[in-house]
Each structure stands twice: as C-alpha cells, then as structure tokens.
Amino acid sequence: MIQITYDRNSLELIECECIKNEKVDLADLAFTLIDGFNEFLKEAEV
C-alpha cells in the first residue's frame, strides 16, 4: 500500500511512503497519484 500526503492548496507533495515495506511498482505509484488527484478535483468542484 502506498500512502501519499499532499498540500490541498498548492498540490505540493508532502510525503510518500510505502506501508508494510512492500516493493512498490511504479505503475501502482502512478495510479495512486492519479486517483488522489482525481479525488482532489472532485472535492474542488463542490
């Protein structure tokens, strides 16, 4: 699992960490970033 923390105002990445010391696939990381950004956009539209 990848946990990503970013600033909601500036979209600056604050922290990105891998939970449970699993190997991180770059594709998984990319999809996680995209999902997080899409969630941010949904919240911004409200």
PDB file of N, CA and C in Angstrom:
ATOM      1  N   MET A   1       0.845  -1.183   0.000  1.00  0.00           N
ATOM      2  CA  MET A   1       0.000   0.000   0.000  1.00  0.00           C
ATOM      3  C   MET A   1       0.885   1.239   0.000  1.00  0.00           C
ATOM      4  N   ILE A   2       0.472   2.229  -0.736  1.00  0.00           N
ATOM      5  CA  ILE A   2       1.226   3.476  -0.809  1.00  0.00           C
ATOM      6  C   ILE A   2       0.389   4.585  -0.188  1.00  0.00           C
ATOM      7  N   GLN A   3       0.975   5.316   0.734  1.00  0.00           N
ATOM      8  CA  GLN A   3       0.275   6.432   1.360  1.00  0.00           C
ATOM      9  C   GLN A   3       0.919   7.724   0.890  1.00  0.00           C
ATOM     10  N   ILE A   4       0.096   8.606   0.342  1.00  0.00           N
ATOM     11  CA  ILE A   4       0.597   9.867  -0.192  1.00  0.00           C
ATOM     12  C   ILE A   4      -0.081  11.022   0.534  1.00  0.00           C
ATOM     13  N   THR A   5       0.713  11.971   0.997  1.00  0.00           N
ATOM     14  CA  THR A   5       0.191  13.159   1.655  1.00  0.00           C
ATOM     15  C   THR A   5       0.602  14.371   0.828  1.00  0.00           C
ATOM     16  N   TYR A   6      -0.386  15.204   0.500  1.00  0.00           N
ATOM     17  CA  TYR A   6      -0.052  16.394  -0.273  1.00  0.00           C
ATOM     18  C   TYR A   6      -0.846  17.581   0.234  1.00  0.00           C
ATOM     19  N   ASP A   7      -0.323  18.765  -0.001  1.00  0.00           N
ATOM     20  CA  ASP A   7      -0.962  20.008   0.414  1.00  0.00           C
ATOM     21  C   ASP A   7      -2.134  20.294  -0.509  1.00  0.00           C
ATOM     22  N   ARG A   8      -3.323  20.443   0.052  1.00  0.00           N
ATOM     23  CA  ARG A   8      -4.526  20.633  -0.766  1.00  0.00           C
ATOM     24  C   ARG A   8      -4.548  21.989  -1.474  1.00  0.00           C
ATOM     25  N   ASN A   9      -3.841  22.958  -0.937  1.00  0.00           N
ATOM     26  CA  ASN A   9      -3.846  24.281  -1.561  1.00  0.00           C
ATOM     27  C   ASN A   9      -2.856  24.383  -2.715  1.00  0.00           C
ATOM     28  N   SER A  10      -1.658  23.892  -2.496  1.00  0.00           N
ATOM     29  CA  SER A  10      -0.615  24.037  -3.512  1.00  0.00           C
ATOM     30  C   SER A  10      -0.400  22.767  -4.326  1.00  0.00           C
ATOM     31  N   LEU A  11      -1.026  21.661  -3.900  1.00  0.00           N
ATOM     32  CA  LEU A  11      -0.824  20.341  -4.512  1.00  0.00           C
ATOM     33  C   LEU A  11       0.624  19.873  -4.390  1.00  0.00           C
ATOM     34  N   GLU A  12       1.367  20.473  -3.461  1.00  0.00           N
ATOM     35  CA  GLU A  12       2.754  20.069  -3.248  1.00  0.00           C
ATOM     36  C   GLU A  12       2.791  18.746  -2.489  1.00  0.00           C
ATOM     37  N   LEU A  13       3.611  17.827  -2.965  1.00  0.00           N
ATOM     38  CA  LEU A  13       3.752  16.530  -2.312  1.00  0.00           C
ATOM     39  C   LEU A  13       4.473  16.714  -0.984  1.00  0.00           C
ATOM     40  N   ILE A  14       3.841  16.274   0.094  1.00  0.00           N
ATOM     41  CA  ILE A  14       4.439  16.407   1.419  1.00  0.00           C
ATOM     42  C   ILE A  14       5.188  15.137   1.793  1.00  0.00           C
ATOM     43  N   GLU A  15       4.537  13.995   1.572  1.00  0.00           N
ATOM     44  CA  GLU A  15       5.149  12.735   1.982  1.00  0.00           C
ATOM     45  C   GLU A  15       4.599  11.611   1.122  1.00  0.00           C
ATOM     46  N   CYS A  16       5.459  10.678   0.791  1.00  0.00           N
ATOM     47  CA  CYS A  16       5.042   9.493   0.051  1.00  0.00           C
ATOM     48  C   CYS A  16       5.759   8.312   0.682  1.00  0.00           C
ATOM     49  N   GLU A  17       4.994   7.396   1.265  1.00  0.00           N
ATOM     50  CA  GLU A  17       5.643   6.275   1.927  1.00  0.00           C
ATOM     51  C   GLU A  17       4.967   4.965   1.583  1.00  0.00           C
ATOM     52  N   CYS A  18       5.758   3.927   1.650  1.00  0.00           N
ATOM     53  CA  CYS A  18       5.270   2.579   1.380  1.00  0.00           C
ATOM     54  C   CYS A  18       4.989   1.904   2.715  1.00  0.00           C
ATOM     55  N   ILE A  19       3.761   1.428   2.889  1.00  0.00           N
ATOM     56  CA  ILE A  19       3.368   0.777   4.130  1.00  0.00           C
ATOM     57  C   ILE A  19       3.701  -0.720   4.058  1.00  0.00           C
ATOM     58  N   LYS A  20       4.118  -1.293   5.176  1.00  0.00           N
ATOM     59  CA  LYS A  20       4.426  -2.726   5.300  1.00  0.00           C
ATOM     60  C   LYS A  20       5.650  -3.141   4.487  1.00  0.00           C
ATOM     61  N   ASN A  21       6.465  -2.185   4.105  1.00  0.00           N
ATOM     62  CA  ASN A  21       7.742  -2.478   3.458  1.00  0.00           C
ATOM     63  C   ASN A  21       7.608  -3.340   2.205  1.00  0.00           C
ATOM     64  N   GLU A  22       6.498  -3.214   1.509  1.00  0.00           N
ATOM     65  CA  GLU A  22       6.318  -3.967   0.269  1.00  0.00           C
ATOM     66  C   GLU A  22       7.086  -3.286  -0.856  1.00  0.00           C
ATOM     67  N   LYS A  23       7.435  -4.059  -1.858  1.00  0.00           N
ATOM     68  CA  LYS A  23       8.058  -3.456  -3.031  1.00  0.00           C
ATOM     69  C   LYS A  23       6.999  -2.646  -3.768  1.00  0.00           C
ATOM     70  N   VAL A  24       7.378  -1.466  -4.228  1.00  0.00           N
ATOM     71  CA  VAL A  24       6.429  -0.583  -4.899  1.00  0.00           C
ATOM     72  C   VAL A  24       6.625  -0.677  -6.406  1.00  0.00           C
ATOM     73  N   ASP A  25       5.555  -0.982  -7.081  1.00  0.00           N
ATOM     74  CA  ASP A  25       5.558  -0.992  -8.540  1.00  0.00           C
ATOM     75  C   ASP A  25       5.318   0.448  -9.001  1.00  0.00           C
ATOM     76  N   LEU A  26       6.102   0.922  -9.946  1.00  0.00           N
ATOM     77  CA  LEU A  26       5.933   2.300 -10.410  1.00  0.00           C
ATOM     78  C   LEU A  26       4.549   2.537 -10.992  1.00  0.00           C
ATOM     79  N   ALA A  27       3.975   1.533 -11.626  1.00  0.00           N
ATOM     80  CA  ALA A  27       2.621   1.678 -12.162  1.00  0.00           C
ATOM     81  C   ALA A  27       1.626   1.884 -11.021  1.00  0.00           C
ATOM     82  N   ASP A  28       1.792   1.134  -9.926  1.00  0.00           N
ATOM     83  CA  ASP A  28       0.917   1.316  -8.767  1.00  0.00           C
ATOM     84  C   ASP A  28       1.059   2.723  -8.203  1.00  0.00           C
ATOM     85  N   LEU A  29       2.283   3.203  -8.134  1.00  0.00           N
ATOM     86  CA  LEU A  29       2.514   4.551  -7.628  1.00  0.00           C
ATOM     87  C   LEU A  29       1.827   5.577  -8.519  1.00  0.00           C
ATOM     88  N   ALA A  30       1.963   5.417  -9.825  1.00  0.00           N
ATOM     89  CA  ALA A  30       1.340   6.350 -10.761  1.00  0.00           C
ATOM     90  C   ALA A  30      -0.179   6.347 -10.602  1.00  0.00           C
ATOM     91  N   PHE A  31      -0.774   5.156 -10.533  1.00  0.00           N
ATOM     92  CA  PHE A  31      -2.229   5.083 -10.383  1.00  0.00           C
ATOM     93  C   PHE A  31      -2.681   5.677  -9.057  1.00  0.00           C
ATOM     94  N   THR A  32      -1.893   5.480  -8.002  1.00  0.00           N
ATOM     95  CA  THR A  32      -2.235   6.049  -6.705  1.00  0.00           C
ATOM     96  C   THR A  32      -2.217   7.570  -6.770  1.00  0.00           C
ATOM     97  N   LEU A  33      -1.202   8.127  -7.428  1.00  0.00           N
ATOM     98  CA  LEU A  33      -1.130   9.578  -7.584  1.00  0.00           C
ATOM     99  C   LEU A  33      -2.311  10.100  -8.389  1.00  0.00           C
ATOM    100  N   ILE A  34      -2.652   9.406  -9.473  1.00  0.00           N
ATOM    101  CA  ILE A  34      -3.765   9.825 -10.328  1.00  0.00           C
ATOM    102  C   ILE A  34      -5.079   9.762  -9.557  1.00  0.00           C
ATOM    103  N   ASP A  35      -5.297   8.674  -8.818  1.00  0.00           N
ATOM    104  CA  ASP A  35      -6.520   8.540  -8.024  1.00  0.00           C
ATOM    105  C   ASP A  35      -6.632   9.659  -6.997  1.00  0.00           C
ATOM    106  N   GLY A  36      -5.535   9.961  -6.333  1.00  0.00           N
ATOM    107  CA  GLY A  36      -5.536  11.031  -5.339  1.00  0.00           C
ATOM    108  C   GLY A  36      -5.844  12.373  -5.970  1.00  0.00           C
ATOM    109  N   PHE A  37      -5.284  12.623  -7.130  1.00  0.00           N
ATOM    110  CA  PHE A  37      -5.527  13.889  -7.812  1.00  0.00           C
ATOM    111  C   PHE A  37      -6.978  13.975  -8.278  1.00  0.00           C
ATOM    112  N   ASN A  38      -7.527  12.862  -8.774  1.00  0.00           N
ATOM    113  CA  ASN A  38      -8.932  12.842  -9.191  1.00  0.00           C
ATOM    114  C   ASN A  38      -9.855  13.112  -8.012  1.00  0.00           C
ATOM    115  N   GLU A  39      -9.540  12.564  -6.841  1.00  0.00           N
ATOM    116  CA  GLU A  39     -10.335  12.828  -5.640  1.00  0.00           C
ATOM    117  C   GLU A  39     -10.264  14.311  -5.293  1.00  0.00           C
ATOM    118  N   PHE A  40      -9.075  14.881  -5.400  1.00  0.00           N
ATOM    119  CA  PHE A  40      -8.914  16.309  -5.127  1.00  0.00           C
ATOM    120  C   PHE A  40      -9.787  17.133  -6.070  1.00  0.00           C
ATOM    121  N   LEU A  41      -9.799  16.777  -7.361  1.00  0.00           N
ATOM    122  CA  LEU A  41     -10.602  17.513  -8.330  1.00  0.00           C
ATOM    123  C   LEU A  41     -12.088  17.395  -8.026  1.00  0.00           C
ATOM    124  N   LYS A  42     -12.535  16.216  -7.616  1.00  0.00           N
ATOM    125  CA  LYS A  42     -13.948  16.031  -7.260  1.00  0.00           C
ATOM    126  C   LYS A  42     -14.328  16.939  -6.103  1.00  0.00           C
ATOM    127  N   GLU A  43     -13.475  17.002  -5.084  1.00  0.00           N
ATOM    128  CA  GLU A  43     -13.756  17.841  -3.921  1.00  0.00           C
ATOM    129  C   GLU A  43     -13.716  19.317  -4.291  1.00  0.00           C
ATOM    130  N   ALA A  44     -12.852  19.684  -5.203  1.00  0.00           N
ATOM    131  CA  ALA A  44     -12.714  21.084  -5.598  1.00  0.00           C
ATOM    132  C   ALA A  44     -13.934  21.570  -6.376  1.00  0.00           C
ATOM    133  N   GLU A  45     -14.626  20.658  -7.047  1.00  0.00           N
ATOM    134  CA  GLU A  45     -15.784  21.045  -7.845  1.00  0.00           C
ATOM    135  C   GLU A  45     -16.995  21.388  -6.992  1.00  0.00           C
ATOM    136  N   VAL A  46     -17.026  20.896  -5.768  1.00  0.00           N
ATOM    137  CA  VAL A  46     -18.201  21.096  -4.902  1.00  0.00           C
ATOM    138  C   VAL A  46     -18.340  22.541  -4.513  1.00  0.00           C
TER     139      VAL A  46
END
